[in-house]
């Protein structure tokens, strides 16, 4: 409902230059969002890999000598 209202408002009342700048700004923001989502996915994959590596790491056993 809101999307239809904004579309109607944009088509009926905005001048052409405002419509163009609005569309360009939306496209720029969509590209920026896609880039941020790509970066988030890359970092989450890195975190998952680190978690897997740490989970599969052999335990370190420290021997303490007694009686010196």
N, C-alpha and C. Protein backbone atom coordinates (compact mmCIF):
# COMPACT_ATOMS: atom_id res chain seq x y z
N UNK A 1 0.83 -1.19 0.00
CA UNK A 1 0.00 0.00 0.00
C UNK A 1 0.87 1.26 0.00
N UNK A 2 1.86 1.28 0.88
CA UNK A 2 2.75 2.44 0.97
C UNK A 2 3.56 2.57 -0.32
N UNK A 3 4.02 1.42 -0.85
CA UNK A 3 4.81 1.47 -2.08
C UNK A 3 3.98 2.04 -3.23
N UNK A 4 2.73 1.64 -3.31
CA UNK A 4 1.85 2.18 -4.36
C UNK A 4 1.66 3.68 -4.19
N UNK A 5 1.51 4.12 -2.93
CA UNK A 5 1.35 5.56 -2.67
C UNK A 5 2.59 6.34 -3.10
N UNK A 6 3.78 5.83 -2.74
CA UNK A 6 5.01 6.52 -3.12
C UNK A 6 5.18 6.54 -4.64
N UNK A 7 4.83 5.45 -5.29
CA UNK A 7 4.91 5.41 -6.75
C UNK A 7 3.95 6.43 -7.36
N UNK A 8 2.73 6.47 -6.87
CA UNK A 8 1.75 7.43 -7.36
C UNK A 8 2.23 8.86 -7.13
N UNK A 9 2.76 9.12 -5.93
CA UNK A 9 3.26 10.46 -5.60
C UNK A 9 4.40 10.85 -6.52
N UNK A 10 5.31 9.92 -6.74
CA UNK A 10 6.47 10.19 -7.60
C UNK A 10 6.04 10.47 -9.03
N UNK A 11 5.12 9.69 -9.55
CA UNK A 11 4.70 9.85 -10.95
C UNK A 11 3.86 11.10 -11.15
N UNK A 12 2.97 11.40 -10.23
CA UNK A 12 2.03 12.50 -10.42
C UNK A 12 2.59 13.87 -10.08
N UNK A 13 3.40 13.97 -9.03
CA UNK A 13 3.73 15.30 -8.52
C UNK A 13 5.19 15.72 -8.63
N UNK A 14 6.10 14.79 -8.79
CA UNK A 14 7.50 15.19 -8.87
C UNK A 14 7.84 15.67 -10.27
N UNK A 15 8.64 16.74 -10.38
CA UNK A 15 9.12 17.15 -11.70
C UNK A 15 10.11 16.11 -12.24
N UNK A 16 10.35 16.18 -13.52
CA UNK A 16 11.20 15.17 -14.18
C UNK A 16 12.60 15.12 -13.58
N UNK A 17 13.20 16.27 -13.33
CA UNK A 17 14.56 16.29 -12.78
C UNK A 17 14.60 15.64 -11.39
N UNK A 18 13.56 15.84 -10.60
CA UNK A 18 13.52 15.23 -9.27
C UNK A 18 13.33 13.72 -9.39
N UNK A 19 12.51 13.29 -10.34
CA UNK A 19 12.31 11.86 -10.57
C UNK A 19 13.62 11.19 -10.97
N UNK A 20 14.35 11.83 -11.89
CA UNK A 20 15.62 11.27 -12.34
C UNK A 20 16.62 11.18 -11.20
N UNK A 21 16.71 12.25 -10.41
CA UNK A 21 17.68 12.23 -9.30
C UNK A 21 17.27 11.20 -8.25
N UNK A 22 15.98 11.03 -8.04
CA UNK A 22 15.50 10.01 -7.10
C UNK A 22 15.85 8.61 -7.57
N UNK A 23 15.66 8.34 -8.84
CA UNK A 23 15.98 7.03 -9.39
C UNK A 23 17.48 6.78 -9.34
N UNK A 24 18.28 7.78 -9.69
CA UNK A 24 19.74 7.64 -9.64
C UNK A 24 20.22 7.39 -8.22
N UNK A 25 19.66 8.12 -7.26
CA UNK A 25 20.05 7.93 -5.86
C UNK A 25 19.67 6.53 -5.38
N UNK A 26 18.49 6.06 -5.76
CA UNK A 26 18.07 4.70 -5.37
C UNK A 26 19.00 3.65 -5.97
N UNK A 27 19.39 3.83 -7.22
CA UNK A 27 20.31 2.88 -7.86
C UNK A 27 21.66 2.89 -7.16
N UNK A 28 22.14 4.08 -6.82
CA UNK A 28 23.43 4.19 -6.13
C UNK A 28 23.37 3.49 -4.77
N UNK A 29 22.27 3.71 -4.05
CA UNK A 29 22.13 3.08 -2.74
C UNK A 29 21.97 1.56 -2.84
N UNK A 30 21.30 1.09 -3.88
CA UNK A 30 21.17 -0.36 -4.09
C UNK A 30 22.52 -0.99 -4.38
N UNK A 31 23.36 -0.32 -5.18
CA UNK A 31 24.71 -0.83 -5.45
C UNK A 31 25.53 -0.87 -4.17
N UNK A 32 25.42 0.19 -3.37
CA UNK A 32 26.16 0.25 -2.11
C UNK A 32 25.71 -0.86 -1.16
N UNK A 33 24.40 -1.11 -1.11
CA UNK A 33 23.86 -2.17 -0.27
C UNK A 33 24.33 -3.54 -0.75
N UNK A 34 24.33 -3.76 -2.06
CA UNK A 34 24.79 -5.04 -2.60
C UNK A 34 26.27 -5.26 -2.27
N UNK A 35 27.06 -4.20 -2.36
CA UNK A 35 28.48 -4.30 -2.03
C UNK A 35 28.66 -4.61 -0.55
N UNK A 36 27.88 -3.97 0.31
CA UNK A 36 27.98 -4.23 1.75
C UNK A 36 27.55 -5.67 2.06
N UNK A 37 26.50 -6.16 1.42
CA UNK A 37 26.06 -7.54 1.64
C UNK A 37 27.12 -8.54 1.18
N UNK A 38 27.79 -8.22 0.08
CA UNK A 38 28.87 -9.08 -0.41
C UNK A 38 30.02 -9.12 0.59
N UNK A 39 30.37 -7.97 1.14
CA UNK A 39 31.45 -7.89 2.14
C UNK A 39 31.06 -8.65 3.41
N UNK A 40 29.81 -8.53 3.84
CA UNK A 40 29.33 -9.25 5.02
C UNK A 40 29.43 -10.76 4.80
N UNK A 41 29.01 -11.22 3.62
CA UNK A 41 29.08 -12.65 3.32
C UNK A 41 30.52 -13.13 3.33
N UNK A 42 31.43 -12.33 2.79
CA UNK A 42 32.85 -12.71 2.77
C UNK A 42 33.41 -12.81 4.18
N UNK A 43 33.08 -11.84 5.02
CA UNK A 43 33.59 -11.85 6.39
C UNK A 43 32.97 -12.98 7.20
N UNK A 44 31.69 -13.29 6.98
CA UNK A 44 31.07 -14.40 7.69
C UNK A 44 31.71 -15.73 7.27
N UNK A 45 32.06 -15.87 6.00
CA UNK A 45 32.75 -17.08 5.54
C UNK A 45 34.12 -17.19 6.22
N UNK A 46 34.82 -16.08 6.36
CA UNK A 46 36.11 -16.08 7.04
C UNK A 46 35.94 -16.50 8.50
N UNK A 47 34.93 -15.96 9.17
CA UNK A 47 34.68 -16.29 10.58
C UNK A 47 34.33 -17.77 10.71
N UNK A 48 33.51 -18.30 9.81
CA UNK A 48 33.17 -19.72 9.85
C UNK A 48 34.41 -20.58 9.66
N UNK A 49 35.27 -20.19 8.76
CA UNK A 49 36.51 -20.94 8.54
C UNK A 49 37.40 -20.91 9.76
N UNK A 50 37.51 -19.77 10.41
CA UNK A 50 38.33 -19.69 11.63
C UNK A 50 37.72 -20.54 12.75
N UNK A 51 36.40 -20.51 12.89
CA UNK A 51 35.76 -21.34 13.90
C UNK A 51 36.00 -22.82 13.64
N UNK A 52 35.89 -23.24 12.39
CA UNK A 52 36.14 -24.64 12.06
C UNK A 52 37.59 -25.03 12.33
N UNK A 53 38.52 -24.16 11.99
CA UNK A 53 39.94 -24.45 12.22
C UNK A 53 40.23 -24.56 13.71
N UNK A 54 39.68 -23.67 14.50
CA UNK A 54 39.93 -23.71 15.94
C UNK A 54 39.27 -24.91 16.59
N UNK A 55 38.12 -25.31 16.10
CA UNK A 55 37.42 -26.46 16.67
C UNK A 55 38.17 -27.77 16.39
N UNK A 56 38.80 -27.84 15.22
CA UNK A 56 39.48 -29.08 14.83
C UNK A 56 40.95 -29.12 15.24
N UNK A 57 41.41 -28.11 15.89
CA UNK A 57 42.79 -28.04 16.32
C UNK A 57 43.04 -29.05 17.44
N UNK A 58 44.21 -29.67 17.42
CA UNK A 58 44.55 -30.62 18.47
C UNK A 58 44.68 -29.89 19.80
N UNK A 59 44.22 -30.53 20.87
CA UNK A 59 44.38 -29.89 22.18
C UNK A 59 45.85 -29.85 22.59
N UNK A 60 46.23 -28.79 23.24
CA UNK A 60 47.61 -28.64 23.72
C UNK A 60 47.66 -29.12 25.15
N UNK A 61 48.55 -30.11 25.39
CA UNK A 61 48.68 -30.66 26.74
C UNK A 61 49.98 -30.12 27.32
N UNK A 62 49.86 -29.45 28.45
CA UNK A 62 51.03 -28.88 29.12
C UNK A 62 51.39 -29.80 30.29
N UNK A 63 52.60 -30.31 30.27
CA UNK A 63 53.06 -31.20 31.34
C UNK A 63 53.79 -30.33 32.37
N UNK A 64 53.40 -30.51 33.63
CA UNK A 64 54.06 -29.76 34.69
C UNK A 64 54.86 -30.74 35.55
N UNK A 65 56.12 -30.45 35.71
CA UNK A 65 56.96 -31.32 36.53
C UNK A 65 56.76 -30.98 37.99
N UNK A 66 56.65 -32.01 38.79
CA UNK A 66 56.42 -31.83 40.22
C UNK A 66 57.65 -32.31 40.98
N UNK A 67 58.01 -31.59 42.02
CA UNK A 67 59.05 -32.06 42.94
C UNK A 67 60.42 -31.52 42.69
N UNK A 68 60.58 -30.34 42.36
CA UNK A 68 61.93 -29.80 42.22
C UNK A 68 62.31 -28.94 43.36
